[in-house]
Amino acid sequence: MKFSRHYVKYIFCLEGDWTLDLRKKASIRSSLQFLSDNSNINYIHRTCSTREELQFRIEQFTRKRYELYSICYLAFHGLENGIKVGSDFITLDDLADMAENKLHDKIIHFGSCKALGLDKRHVKRFLKKTNALCVSGYRDDINFLPGTVFDMLYFEICQKYRDIRCIERDMYSYYGRLVKELQFSMHYL
């Protein structure tokens, strides 16, 4: 299915540590607040630094009360085929196991370097196992600021359509150069 049940797509964000230096305040939280203030996109933001925390937060995210939070924004350091959560590397297959049959009507967005830099068959397997509506993210390294701004543009476009194909069309139409430069990709069944 390529259609979301709702136009409104609030954001459920899980964010990892960007640096080992706890004095540094790097976070995407302010971009979420900007979207809330200027585009009325509600969000939930939680930090996550262990595999167990990630599992717990995914279980929370899939509860009925969070139905309108249909964008799961995973903001972590990424490596090819997954994300770095604390000292653990979590692959797409690991995430699929955590969220098996639980992501119906959800857009899963990796705000992470290289997380989708893998064979499309792996992404299709993730979509089938989780029943996610769409998986999006980057195939290569991205810089923090351009990636975060692009994520904001993407989330804004997501509010306009129920049909994922229309979101993809507008991303290429309006931001085609950035799509190519950042190696952004969207996958759906």
Protein backbone atom coordinates (compact mmCIF):
# COMPACT_ATOMS: atom_id res chain seq x y z
CA MET A 1 0.00 0.00 0.00
CA LYS A 2 1.33 3.42 -0.94
CA PHE A 3 -1.29 5.46 0.90
CA SER A 4 -1.18 6.80 4.42
CA ARG A 5 -4.43 6.85 6.37
CA HIS A 6 -3.87 10.47 7.37
CA TYR A 7 -2.57 13.68 5.90
CA VAL A 8 -1.32 14.72 9.33
CA LYS A 9 1.94 12.94 10.07
CA TYR A 10 3.46 13.89 13.40
CA ILE A 11 7.06 12.96 14.14
CA PHE A 12 8.32 10.44 16.67
CA CYS A 13 12.06 11.08 16.86
CA LEU A 14 14.70 8.90 18.45
CA GLU A 15 18.11 10.55 18.55
CA GLY A 16 21.51 9.19 19.46
CA ASP A 17 24.58 10.99 20.73
CA TRP A 18 26.44 12.82 17.99
CA THR A 19 29.65 13.16 19.99
CA LEU A 20 31.33 11.55 22.97
CA ASP A 21 31.89 14.99 24.53
CA LEU A 22 28.82 15.53 26.72
CA ARG A 23 29.47 19.29 26.82
CA LYS A 24 28.55 19.57 23.14
CA LYS A 25 24.87 20.19 22.49
CA ALA A 26 24.48 18.92 18.92
CA SER A 27 20.88 17.86 18.41
CA ILE A 28 18.12 17.94 15.83
CA ARG A 29 15.59 18.87 18.52
CA SER A 30 15.60 22.56 17.56
CA SER A 31 14.65 21.64 13.97
CA LEU A 32 11.67 19.69 15.32
CA GLN A 33 10.66 22.67 17.43
CA PHE A 34 10.93 24.88 14.33
CA LEU A 35 8.56 22.56 12.45
CA SER A 36 6.17 22.57 15.38
CA ASP A 37 6.20 26.37 15.68
CA ASN A 38 5.94 27.11 11.97
CA SER A 39 4.14 24.18 10.40
CA ASN A 40 2.09 22.78 13.29
CA ILE A 41 3.84 19.43 13.08
CA ASN A 42 3.76 17.93 16.57
CA TYR A 43 6.65 15.79 17.68
CA ILE A 44 7.95 13.54 20.40
CA HIS A 45 11.70 13.55 20.89
CA ARG A 46 13.63 11.01 22.94
CA THR A 47 17.30 10.20 23.16
CA CYS A 48 18.38 6.63 22.86
CA SER A 49 21.79 5.14 23.60
CA THR A 50 21.33 1.37 23.91
CA ARG A 51 19.78 -1.44 21.89
CA GLU A 52 17.34 -2.08 24.76
CA GLU A 53 16.25 1.57 24.84
CA LEU A 54 15.67 1.48 21.09
CA GLN A 55 13.54 -1.65 21.42
CA PHE A 56 11.54 -0.08 24.26
CA ARG A 57 10.96 3.16 22.34
CA ILE A 58 9.84 1.32 19.21
CA GLU A 59 7.31 -0.60 21.29
CA GLN A 60 6.06 2.69 22.75
CA PHE A 61 5.87 4.28 19.29
CA THR A 62 3.60 1.53 17.97
CA ARG A 63 0.90 2.04 20.60
CA LYS A 64 -2.53 3.19 19.38
CA ARG A 65 -2.30 6.51 21.28
CA TYR A 66 0.55 7.54 18.96
CA GLU A 67 -1.27 6.71 15.74
CA LEU A 68 -0.87 10.23 14.30
CA TYR A 69 2.88 10.05 14.94
CA SER A 70 3.37 8.26 11.68
CA ILE A 71 6.91 9.44 10.89
CA CYS A 72 9.61 7.63 12.83
CA TYR A 73 12.70 9.81 12.57
CA LEU A 74 15.83 7.86 13.50
CA ALA A 75 18.58 10.45 14.00
CA PHE A 76 21.76 8.49 14.68
CA HIS A 77 25.20 8.05 13.25
CA GLY A 78 24.78 5.68 10.35
CA LEU A 79 26.82 3.05 8.64
CA GLU A 80 25.96 1.09 5.54
CA ASN A 81 22.84 -0.97 6.32
CA GLY A 82 22.13 0.45 9.76
CA ILE A 83 22.62 2.87 12.61
CA LYS A 84 24.97 3.24 15.55
CA VAL A 85 23.10 3.22 18.87
CA GLY A 86 25.61 3.79 21.64
CA SER A 87 28.28 1.15 21.09
CA ASP A 88 25.93 -1.16 19.15
CA PHE A 89 25.49 -1.38 15.40
CA ILE A 90 21.82 -2.01 14.61
CA THR A 91 21.16 -3.32 11.10
CA LEU A 92 17.94 -2.95 9.12
CA ASP A 93 17.31 -6.64 9.82
CA ASP A 94 17.74 -6.02 13.59
CA LEU A 95 15.24 -3.15 13.40
CA ALA A 96 12.85 -5.31 11.39
CA ASP A 97 13.01 -7.97 14.11
CA MET A 98 12.27 -5.33 16.78
CA ALA A 99 9.30 -3.97 14.86
CA GLU A 100 7.95 -7.03 13.10
CA ASN A 101 4.39 -6.36 11.85
CA LYS A 102 4.20 -3.18 13.99
CA LEU A 103 4.88 -0.31 11.57
CA HIS A 104 1.70 -0.29 9.50
CA ASP A 105 1.04 3.20 8.08
CA LYS A 106 4.45 4.47 9.29
CA ILE A 107 7.19 6.28 7.40
CA ILE A 108 10.59 5.31 8.74
CA HIS A 109 13.18 8.00 8.04
CA PHE A 110 16.87 7.52 8.71
CA GLY A 111 18.48 10.90 9.35
CA SER A 112 21.80 9.08 9.23
CA CYS A 113 24.78 8.72 6.94
CA LYS A 114 24.79 5.64 4.68
CA ALA A 115 21.96 3.80 6.46
CA LEU A 116 20.31 3.10 3.09
CA GLY A 117 23.57 2.53 1.24
CA LEU A 118 22.75 -1.10 0.55
CA ASP A 119 21.05 -3.39 -1.89
CA LYS A 120 17.36 -2.53 -2.34
CA ARG A 121 16.42 -6.13 -1.54
CA HIS A 122 17.37 -5.50 2.12
CA VAL A 123 15.07 -2.48 2.26
CA LYS A 124 12.22 -4.42 0.62
CA ARG A 125 12.69 -7.19 3.20
CA PHE A 126 12.46 -4.57 5.98
CA LEU A 127 9.26 -3.13 4.46
CA LYS A 128 7.64 -6.56 4.20
CA LYS A 129 8.61 -7.70 7.68
CA THR A 130 7.52 -4.49 9.46
CA ASN A 131 4.62 -3.51 7.18
CA ALA A 132 6.04 0.02 7.07
CA LEU A 133 4.54 2.35 4.49
CA CYS A 134 7.89 3.78 3.40
CA VAL A 135 11.58 3.84 4.31
CA SER A 136 13.64 6.90 3.48
CA GLY A 137 17.14 8.14 4.15
CA TYR A 138 20.59 8.60 2.69
CA ARG A 139 22.87 6.27 0.77
CA ASP A 140 26.14 8.07 1.57
CA ASP A 141 27.74 10.44 4.06
CA ILE A 142 25.91 13.71 4.67
CA ASN A 143 26.82 16.83 6.58
CA PHE A 144 24.75 17.49 9.68
CA LEU A 145 23.28 20.88 8.76
CA PRO A 146 22.28 20.23 5.12
CA GLY A 147 20.90 16.83 6.11
CA THR A 148 18.82 18.28 8.94
CA VAL A 149 17.44 21.08 6.75
CA PHE A 150 16.60 18.55 4.03
CA ASP A 151 14.83 16.37 6.62
CA MET A 152 12.71 19.38 7.57
CA LEU A 153 11.75 19.99 3.93
CA TYR A 154 10.87 16.32 3.56
CA PHE A 155 8.67 16.28 6.68
CA GLU A 156 6.86 19.38 5.42
CA ILE A 157 6.10 17.72 2.06
CA CYS A 158 4.91 14.58 3.88
CA GLN A 159 2.04 16.62 5.36
CA LYS A 160 0.59 17.44 1.93
CA TYR A 161 -0.20 13.95 0.67
CA ARG A 162 -1.47 10.55 1.64
CA ASP A 163 0.06 8.97 -1.48
CA ILE A 164 3.77 8.25 -0.95
CA ARG A 165 4.38 8.52 -4.69
CA CYS A 166 3.25 12.17 -4.59
CA ILE A 167 5.68 12.89 -1.76
CA GLU A 168 8.49 11.34 -3.78
CA ARG A 169 7.43 13.25 -6.91
CA ASP A 170 7.47 16.61 -5.09
CA MET A 171 10.80 15.91 -3.41
CA TYR A 172 12.36 15.34 -6.82
CA SER A 173 10.44 18.21 -8.41
CA TYR A 174 11.23 20.88 -5.80
CA TYR A 175 14.52 19.63 -4.40
CA GLY A 176 15.92 17.39 -7.14
CA ARG A 177 19.43 18.81 -6.95
CA LEU A 178 19.56 18.23 -3.19
CA VAL A 179 18.06 14.74 -3.58
CA LYS A 180 20.94 13.83 -5.89
CA GLU A 181 23.63 15.66 -3.93
CA LEU A 182 22.61 14.12 -0.60
CA GLN A 183 21.83 10.74 -2.20
CA PHE A 184 18.39 10.70 -0.61
CA SER A 185 16.17 7.73 -1.40
CA MET A 186 12.64 6.54 -0.68
CA HIS A 187 11.47 2.93 -0.82
CA TYR A 188 7.95 1.52 -0.66
CA LEU A 189 6.07 -1.51 -1.91
